[in-house]
Amino acid sequence: MIDYSSGVPVYRQVAAAIRDDITAGRYRPGAWLPSESQLSQMYEVGRDTVREALAHLRAEGRITTVRKRGSMVATEPTREPHHVPGGARVITRMPTPDERRDPAFRS
């Protein structure tokens, strides 16, 4: 399943496999994903690779993680990908502490 010669980072391949399972309905919204150890065994990769894959899916808004419990499929994506035209310049910054506390800012 994992192709080490593809040039695609292994964590991205694992993330893509989990994303495909979510899309296919094998993991439904609100369902808990297998543990990091189980995912590590399923994909025959290290736990650090699984953690990177889960972080990638979390950044996409496809999963949420609850400390000491694990990761679950998000009930609805929290982030939409933004397509930036070629040659465009993107500038970003970290939110201020006040912005992080403001629920309206988190949308």
Protein backbone atom coordinates (compact mmCIF):
# COMPACT_ATOMS: atom_id res chain seq x y z
CA MET A 1 0.00 0.00 0.00
CA ILE A 2 2.80 2.46 0.83
CA ASP A 3 5.13 3.10 -2.09
CA TYR A 4 8.50 4.22 -0.74
CA SER A 5 9.84 4.86 -4.25
CA SER A 6 7.00 7.18 -5.32
CA GLY A 7 8.61 10.41 -4.14
CA VAL A 8 5.44 11.23 -2.18
CA PRO A 9 6.20 11.51 1.55
CA VAL A 10 5.00 8.44 3.45
CA TYR A 11 2.89 10.49 5.87
CA ARG A 12 1.02 11.98 2.91
CA GLN A 13 0.37 8.50 1.53
CA VAL A 14 -1.02 7.40 4.90
CA ALA A 15 -3.12 10.58 5.11
CA ALA A 16 -4.45 9.92 1.61
CA ALA A 17 -5.40 6.34 2.54
CA ILE A 18 -7.26 7.52 5.65
CA ARG A 19 -8.90 10.34 3.65
CA ASP A 20 -10.04 7.78 1.07
CA ASP A 21 -11.55 5.64 3.85
CA ILE A 22 -13.40 8.69 5.20
CA THR A 23 -14.65 9.61 1.73
CA ALA A 24 -15.76 6.02 1.06
CA GLY A 25 -17.72 5.99 4.33
CA ARG A 26 -15.59 3.41 6.13
CA TYR A 27 -15.13 6.02 8.86
CA ARG A 28 -18.31 8.04 9.30
CA PRO A 29 -18.56 11.56 10.75
CA GLY A 30 -18.21 11.36 14.52
CA ALA A 31 -16.59 7.90 14.40
CA TRP A 32 -13.31 7.31 16.20
CA LEU A 33 -10.37 6.35 14.04
CA PRO A 34 -8.21 3.39 15.07
CA SER A 35 -5.48 4.28 17.58
CA GLU A 36 -2.08 5.50 16.44
CA SER A 37 -0.66 2.06 17.26
CA GLN A 38 -3.34 0.32 15.21
CA LEU A 39 -2.87 2.69 12.26
CA SER A 40 0.88 2.17 12.52
CA GLN A 41 0.37 -1.59 12.22
CA MET A 42 -2.24 -1.27 9.46
CA TYR A 43 0.04 0.80 7.23
CA GLU A 44 3.31 -0.75 8.46
CA VAL A 45 4.82 2.62 9.33
CA GLY A 46 6.12 4.21 12.52
CA ARG A 47 3.90 6.09 14.96
CA ASP A 48 5.64 9.36 14.10
CA THR A 49 4.53 8.90 10.50
CA VAL A 50 0.97 8.24 11.66
CA ARG A 51 1.08 11.36 13.84
CA GLU A 52 2.21 13.44 10.85
CA ALA A 53 -0.58 11.97 8.72
CA LEU A 54 -3.18 12.76 11.41
CA ALA A 55 -1.80 16.30 11.78
CA HIS A 56 -2.17 16.72 8.02
CA LEU A 57 -5.81 15.54 8.13
CA ARG A 58 -6.46 17.77 11.15
CA ALA A 59 -5.09 20.77 9.22
CA GLU A 60 -7.50 19.90 6.39
CA GLY A 61 -10.36 19.87 8.89
CA ARG A 62 -11.20 16.23 8.20
CA ILE A 63 -10.54 14.99 11.73
CA THR A 64 -10.47 16.35 15.25
CA THR A 65 -8.30 15.03 18.05
CA VAL A 66 -9.27 14.76 21.69
CA ARG A 67 -6.35 14.50 24.05
CA LYS A 68 -6.03 11.08 25.70
CA ARG A 69 -8.95 9.76 23.58
CA GLY A 70 -7.80 9.77 19.98
CA SER A 71 -8.95 11.17 16.66
CA MET A 72 -12.42 11.18 15.18
CA VAL A 73 -13.85 12.08 11.82
CA ALA A 74 -15.08 15.67 11.82
CA THR A 75 -18.84 16.02 11.55
CA GLU A 76 -18.28 18.58 8.83
CA PRO A 77 -15.04 19.91 7.42
CA THR A 78 -13.84 22.89 9.40
CA ARG A 79 -11.58 24.24 6.69
CA GLU A 80 -11.96 24.49 2.97
CA PRO A 81 -8.88 24.45 0.77
CA HIS A 82 -8.07 27.76 -0.83
CA HIS A 83 -6.88 27.70 -4.40
CA VAL A 84 -4.31 30.35 -5.14
CA PRO A 85 -3.60 31.23 -8.76
CA GLY A 86 -0.05 30.71 -9.99
CA GLY A 87 2.24 33.65 -9.38
CA ALA A 88 0.07 34.97 -6.54
CA ARG A 89 1.71 35.98 -3.29
CA VAL A 90 0.19 34.89 0.01
CA ILE A 91 0.99 36.60 3.29
CA THR A 92 -0.24 35.27 6.60
CA ARG A 93 0.27 35.84 10.31
CA MET A 94 -0.51 34.13 13.57
CA PRO A 95 -3.65 35.41 15.33
CA THR A 96 -3.22 37.54 18.42
CA PRO A 97 -4.24 36.09 21.80
CA ASP A 98 -7.44 38.18 21.69
CA GLU A 99 -8.27 36.86 18.21
CA ARG A 100 -7.72 33.27 19.36
CA ARG A 101 -10.24 33.75 22.20
CA ASP A 102 -12.85 35.38 19.95
CA PRO A 103 -15.30 32.69 18.66
CA ALA A 104 -16.10 34.81 15.59
CA PHE A 105 -12.45 34.72 14.56
CA ARG A 106 -12.35 30.91 14.51
CA SER A 107 -14.80 30.48 11.67
